Amino acid sequence: MKTPRLIFTLAGIYGLVILSPLLFLERKVAELTPGGTTQPEYYYGFLGAALVMQLVYLTIGRDPVRYRPLMPIAALAKAVFFMTIMILWLQERISAAALEIASVDALLAFAFLCAWRMTPAQGANDPA
């Protein structure tokens, strides 16, 4: 259980470290983004939801067997973000730098699925 625990714990810590500063950088992000931040509720809403997901990853990391059913959902969350960024990049609506950053999410989606495969279902080792 060490590997799944490590994958989810590191993913949660990474996400908190990367996302938390954005709560204080709305103006800077708006300056760097064409069109600025015209709807701050989407900016802060996304950040809030993303930060909560990091807590979910940390929770899974504490007890992978118990929270194994959440692992594919966690992978889906990472994959959906990556695919969204990929589509926007293909439409030339965002920079390649955004795609590079989102590539970490694709890698984590794969790692989450690997962790899911490594983790036994709860009660799998219990005698019948």
Protein backbone atom coordinates (compact mmCIF):
# COMPACT_ATOMS: atom_id res chain seq x y z
CA MET A 1 0.00 0.00 0.00
CA LYS A 2 3.02 2.28 0.12
CA THR A 3 2.92 3.25 -3.57
CA PRO A 4 -0.79 4.21 -3.77
CA ARG A 5 -0.45 6.07 -0.47
CA LEU A 6 2.58 7.94 -1.79
CA ILE A 7 0.97 8.76 -5.15
CA PHE A 8 -2.15 10.31 -3.64
CA THR A 9 -0.36 12.07 -0.79
CA LEU A 10 2.21 13.67 -3.10
CA ALA A 11 -0.52 14.63 -5.58
CA GLY A 12 -2.50 16.34 -2.83
CA ILE A 13 0.51 18.22 -1.49
CA TYR A 14 1.59 19.23 -5.02
CA GLY A 15 -1.89 20.54 -5.78
CA LEU A 16 -2.09 22.56 -2.59
CA VAL A 17 1.35 24.08 -3.22
CA ILE A 18 0.54 24.97 -6.84
CA LEU A 19 -3.04 26.18 -6.38
CA SER A 20 -3.02 28.03 -3.04
CA PRO A 21 -0.92 31.00 -4.21
CA LEU A 22 -3.41 31.61 -7.04
CA LEU A 23 -5.93 32.74 -4.43
CA PHE A 24 -3.77 35.86 -4.02
CA LEU A 25 -2.74 36.34 -7.64
CA GLU A 26 -6.00 37.12 -9.44
CA ARG A 27 -4.77 40.51 -10.66
CA LYS A 28 -1.47 39.08 -11.91
CA VAL A 29 -3.26 36.25 -13.70
CA ALA A 30 -5.65 38.79 -15.24
CA GLU A 31 -2.70 40.84 -16.51
CA LEU A 32 -1.14 37.78 -18.13
CA THR A 33 -4.39 36.48 -19.61
CA PRO A 34 -5.87 38.01 -22.75
CA GLY A 35 -9.20 39.52 -21.76
CA GLY A 36 -8.32 39.45 -18.07
CA THR A 37 -10.49 37.92 -15.40
CA THR A 38 -13.94 39.11 -16.35
CA GLN A 39 -15.81 36.71 -14.08
CA PRO A 40 -14.02 36.30 -10.75
CA GLU A 41 -16.67 33.88 -9.52
CA TYR A 42 -15.41 31.33 -12.07
CA TYR A 43 -11.79 31.99 -11.13
CA TYR A 44 -12.35 31.56 -7.40
CA GLY A 45 -14.98 28.85 -7.87
CA PHE A 46 -12.55 26.74 -9.90
CA LEU A 47 -9.77 27.30 -7.37
CA GLY A 48 -12.05 26.40 -4.47
CA ALA A 49 -13.24 23.19 -6.11
CA ALA A 50 -9.69 22.27 -7.14
CA LEU A 51 -8.37 22.88 -3.63
CA VAL A 52 -11.10 20.68 -2.15
CA MET A 53 -10.07 17.90 -4.56
CA GLN A 54 -6.54 18.09 -3.14
CA LEU A 55 -8.05 17.29 0.26
CA VAL A 56 -9.80 14.30 -1.33
CA TYR A 57 -6.44 13.10 -2.71
CA LEU A 58 -4.86 13.47 0.73
CA THR A 59 -7.75 11.53 2.26
CA ILE A 60 -7.33 8.69 -0.25
CA GLY A 61 -3.61 8.69 0.53
CA ARG A 62 -4.29 8.09 4.22
CA ASP A 63 -6.30 4.89 3.58
CA PRO A 64 -6.10 3.69 -0.03
CA VAL A 65 -8.00 0.44 0.56
CA ARG A 66 -10.94 2.18 2.20
CA TYR A 67 -11.14 4.90 -0.44
CA ARG A 68 -10.28 2.73 -3.45
CA PRO A 69 -13.71 3.37 -5.07
CA LEU A 70 -12.80 7.08 -5.29
CA MET A 71 -9.58 6.45 -7.21
CA PRO A 72 -11.12 6.21 -10.71
CA ILE A 73 -13.14 9.35 -9.96
CA ALA A 74 -9.93 11.11 -8.90
CA ALA A 75 -8.31 9.99 -12.16
CA LEU A 76 -11.31 11.28 -14.10
CA ALA A 77 -11.01 14.69 -12.42
CA LYS A 78 -7.38 14.93 -13.56
CA ALA A 79 -8.16 13.64 -17.06
CA VAL A 80 -11.06 16.03 -17.59
CA PHE A 81 -8.88 19.01 -16.73
CA PHE A 82 -6.10 17.82 -19.03
CA MET A 83 -8.51 17.13 -21.92
CA THR A 84 -10.10 20.55 -21.50
CA ILE A 85 -6.71 22.22 -21.72
CA MET A 86 -5.73 20.02 -24.68
CA ILE A 87 -8.87 21.01 -26.61
CA LEU A 88 -8.35 24.70 -25.85
CA TRP A 89 -4.73 24.42 -26.99
CA LEU A 90 -5.75 22.68 -30.23
CA GLN A 91 -8.17 25.56 -30.83
CA GLU A 92 -5.24 27.94 -30.24
CA ARG A 93 -7.11 29.59 -27.37
CA ILE A 94 -4.36 29.04 -24.78
CA SER A 95 -0.58 28.91 -24.78
CA ALA A 96 1.59 25.83 -24.98
CA ALA A 97 2.80 26.68 -21.47
CA ALA A 98 -0.69 25.96 -20.12
CA LEU A 99 -0.64 22.60 -21.86
CA GLU A 100 2.76 21.81 -20.36
CA ILE A 101 1.48 22.55 -16.87
CA ALA A 102 -1.68 20.49 -17.46
CA SER A 103 0.45 17.56 -18.61
CA VAL A 104 1.18 16.94 -14.93
CA ASP A 105 -2.54 16.24 -14.51
CA ALA A 106 -2.43 13.67 -17.32
CA LEU A 107 0.49 11.97 -15.61
CA LEU A 108 -1.35 12.00 -12.29
CA ALA A 109 -4.50 10.55 -13.89
CA PHE A 110 -2.40 7.65 -15.13
CA ALA A 111 -0.71 7.28 -11.72
CA PHE A 112 -4.11 7.29 -9.99
CA LEU A 113 -5.31 4.46 -12.24
CA CYS A 114 -2.12 2.51 -11.56
CA ALA A 115 -2.64 3.03 -7.82
CA TRP A 116 -6.22 1.80 -8.19
CA ARG A 117 -5.01 -1.37 -9.92
CA MET A 118 -2.40 -1.95 -7.16
CA THR A 119 -4.85 -1.49 -4.31
CA PRO A 120 -6.90 -4.51 -3.28
CA ALA A 121 -10.63 -4.06 -2.86
CA GLN A 122 -11.67 -3.72 0.76
CA GLY A 123 -12.14 -7.16 2.22
CA ALA A 124 -10.41 -8.88 -0.75
CA ASN A 125 -8.03 -10.68 1.61
CA ASP A 126 -10.70 -11.55 4.17
CA PRO A 127 -11.73 -15.21 4.34
CA ALA A 128 -15.27 -15.81 3.10
